Amino acid sequence: MYFGWINLFNLIIIGIMLIPNVIYAVRNKNAMNKCTNRLMNLLEQVGRYGCIVFMLLPIGMESFGFGSILAFLIYLFSVPLFLCIYLMLWRSEFSEPTTGTEMALSIIPVLIFLLCGITMSHYLLIAAAIILAISHPYVTWQNAK
């Protein structure tokens, strides 16, 4: 299966992941970033926006697609599973926030981005997801203190 110059399935994935984040931002307008490590804050933003761009556009590759049927099946079944877990965790976070839930919410998007990058052999997406994997949980942990 191959996509055109923009991956609409990944656009839907990103949209689903952003909905609870927007709700959180609206509910917590005065929330401050407690992480004082400028490098980690910068890496988090680079990783986050890199993942979003590389999920949507085939930058650094000819076109979006899967190298095998197995890669497609892994993508097809794993990504929705991770998205469901992510949304259930957000539901829990909205009703009773915990550090554990916040940490899980920082890790699951990384897993989704890594999974998409690996199954589509999109090496720039994988690199951005690794940057996010290093920085996002760190920043989240600092903010959970």
Protein backbone atom coordinates (compact mmCIF):
# COMPACT_ATOMS: atom_id res chain seq x y z
CA MET A 1 0.00 0.00 0.00
CA TYR A 2 1.39 3.37 -0.96
CA PHE A 3 0.20 6.88 -0.21
CA GLY A 4 0.54 10.06 -2.24
CA TRP A 5 2.57 13.09 -1.23
CA ILE A 6 0.63 13.41 2.03
CA ASN A 7 -0.39 10.57 4.32
CA LEU A 8 -4.05 11.07 5.20
CA PHE A 9 -4.10 8.11 7.59
CA ASN A 10 -1.28 9.67 9.59
CA LEU A 11 -3.13 13.01 9.50
CA ILE A 12 -6.07 11.28 11.18
CA ILE A 13 -3.74 9.73 13.76
CA ILE A 14 -2.22 13.11 14.58
CA GLY A 15 -5.67 14.70 14.77
CA ILE A 16 -6.86 12.05 17.21
CA MET A 17 -3.74 12.52 19.35
CA LEU A 18 -4.12 16.31 19.36
CA ILE A 19 -7.78 16.44 20.46
CA PRO A 20 -7.16 15.62 24.15
CA ASN A 21 -4.07 17.83 24.17
CA VAL A 22 -6.13 20.80 22.99
CA ILE A 23 -8.79 20.07 25.60
CA TYR A 24 -6.08 19.93 28.27
CA ALA A 25 -4.58 23.23 27.07
CA VAL A 26 -7.98 24.94 27.16
CA ARG A 27 -8.72 23.62 30.65
CA ASN A 28 -5.27 24.52 31.98
CA LYS A 29 -4.58 27.90 30.40
CA ASN A 30 -2.30 28.97 33.25
CA ALA A 31 -0.14 25.82 33.28
CA MET A 32 3.56 26.63 33.32
CA ASN A 33 6.44 24.55 32.03
CA LYS A 34 8.49 23.75 35.15
CA CYS A 35 11.33 22.19 33.18
CA THR A 36 14.28 24.59 33.31
CA ASN A 37 16.56 22.54 31.06
CA ARG A 38 16.60 24.59 27.85
CA LEU A 39 18.20 21.83 25.79
CA MET A 40 15.53 19.29 26.72
CA ASN A 41 12.75 21.82 26.07
CA LEU A 42 14.26 22.56 22.66
CA LEU A 43 14.73 18.87 21.82
CA GLU A 44 11.13 18.19 22.82
CA GLN A 45 9.86 20.80 20.38
CA VAL A 46 12.19 19.62 17.60
CA GLY A 47 11.08 16.02 18.16
CA ARG A 48 7.38 16.90 18.42
CA TYR A 49 7.19 19.06 15.31
CA GLY A 50 9.58 16.81 13.42
CA CYS A 51 7.30 13.84 14.09
CA ILE A 52 4.23 15.76 12.97
CA VAL A 53 5.85 16.94 9.73
CA PHE A 54 7.42 13.57 8.91
CA MET A 55 4.16 11.75 9.66
CA LEU A 56 2.42 13.88 7.05
CA LEU A 57 5.04 14.44 4.36
CA PRO A 58 7.42 11.93 2.75
CA ILE A 59 10.44 14.19 3.26
CA GLY A 60 13.61 12.20 2.71
CA MET A 61 11.84 9.37 0.94
CA GLU A 62 10.25 8.85 -2.44
CA SER A 63 6.72 8.19 -1.16
CA PHE A 64 4.91 6.78 1.83
CA GLY A 65 4.43 3.05 1.78
CA PHE A 66 5.16 -0.25 3.44
CA GLY A 67 7.97 -2.59 2.54
CA SER A 68 5.92 -5.69 3.19
CA ILE A 69 2.44 -6.92 4.01
CA LEU A 70 3.65 -7.71 7.53
CA ALA A 71 4.75 -4.09 8.05
CA PHE A 72 1.34 -2.90 6.85
CA LEU A 73 -0.50 -5.32 9.16
CA ILE A 74 1.60 -4.24 12.14
CA TYR A 75 0.76 -0.61 11.35
CA LEU A 76 -2.91 -1.41 10.73
CA PHE A 77 -3.48 -3.20 14.04
CA SER A 78 -0.93 -1.67 16.41
CA VAL A 79 -1.50 2.04 15.79
CA PRO A 80 -5.26 1.92 16.55
CA LEU A 81 -4.52 -0.14 19.67
CA PHE A 82 -2.00 2.43 20.91
CA LEU A 83 -4.43 5.25 20.07
CA CYS A 84 -7.19 3.59 22.11
CA ILE A 85 -4.85 3.16 25.07
CA TYR A 86 -3.76 6.79 24.68
CA LEU A 87 -7.35 8.05 24.71
CA MET A 88 -8.25 5.88 27.72
CA LEU A 89 -5.25 7.28 29.59
CA TRP A 90 -6.35 10.82 28.75
CA ARG A 91 -9.80 10.01 30.10
CA SER A 92 -8.17 8.84 33.32
CA GLU A 93 -5.92 11.91 33.39
CA PHE A 94 -8.91 14.24 33.06
CA SER A 95 -10.73 12.59 35.96
CA GLU A 96 -7.82 11.76 38.30
CA PRO A 97 -4.34 12.95 37.21
CA THR A 98 -1.35 10.91 38.34
CA THR A 99 2.35 11.02 37.56
CA GLY A 100 2.14 7.49 36.16
CA THR A 101 -0.60 8.45 33.73
CA GLU A 102 1.28 11.57 32.67
CA MET A 103 4.42 9.54 32.00
CA ALA A 104 2.46 6.97 29.99
CA LEU A 105 0.92 9.83 28.00
CA SER A 106 4.42 11.04 27.18
CA ILE A 107 5.61 7.61 26.03
CA ILE A 108 2.70 6.32 23.94
CA PRO A 109 2.94 9.01 21.22
CA VAL A 110 6.63 8.19 20.89
CA LEU A 111 5.73 4.53 20.38
CA ILE A 112 3.17 5.48 17.74
CA PHE A 113 5.68 7.67 15.89
CA LEU A 114 8.40 5.02 16.11
CA LEU A 115 6.02 2.32 14.92
CA CYS A 116 4.92 4.43 11.96
CA GLY A 117 8.51 5.31 11.10
CA ILE A 118 9.71 1.72 11.29
CA THR A 119 6.81 0.16 9.36
CA MET A 120 7.11 2.77 6.59
CA SER A 121 10.95 2.83 6.64
CA HIS A 122 10.81 6.61 7.18
CA TYR A 123 14.21 7.21 8.77
CA LEU A 124 13.69 10.91 9.45
CA LEU A 125 10.49 10.09 11.34
CA ILE A 126 12.39 7.47 13.33
CA ALA A 127 15.09 10.05 14.15
CA ALA A 128 12.51 12.64 15.24
CA ALA A 129 10.74 10.01 17.37
CA ILE A 130 14.03 9.12 19.07
CA ILE A 131 14.64 12.80 19.85
CA LEU A 132 11.11 12.98 21.26
CA ALA A 133 11.68 9.74 23.20
CA ILE A 134 14.69 11.28 24.94
CA SER A 135 13.15 14.66 25.70
CA HIS A 136 9.38 14.36 26.13
CA PRO A 137 9.37 11.97 29.13
CA TYR A 138 12.10 14.06 30.76
CA VAL A 139 10.12 17.30 30.39
CA THR A 140 6.94 15.56 31.53
CA TRP A 141 8.73 14.19 34.60
CA GLN A 142 10.02 17.65 35.47
CA ASN A 143 6.52 19.08 35.16
CA ALA A 144 4.99 16.28 37.26
CA LYS A 145 7.16 17.08 40.30
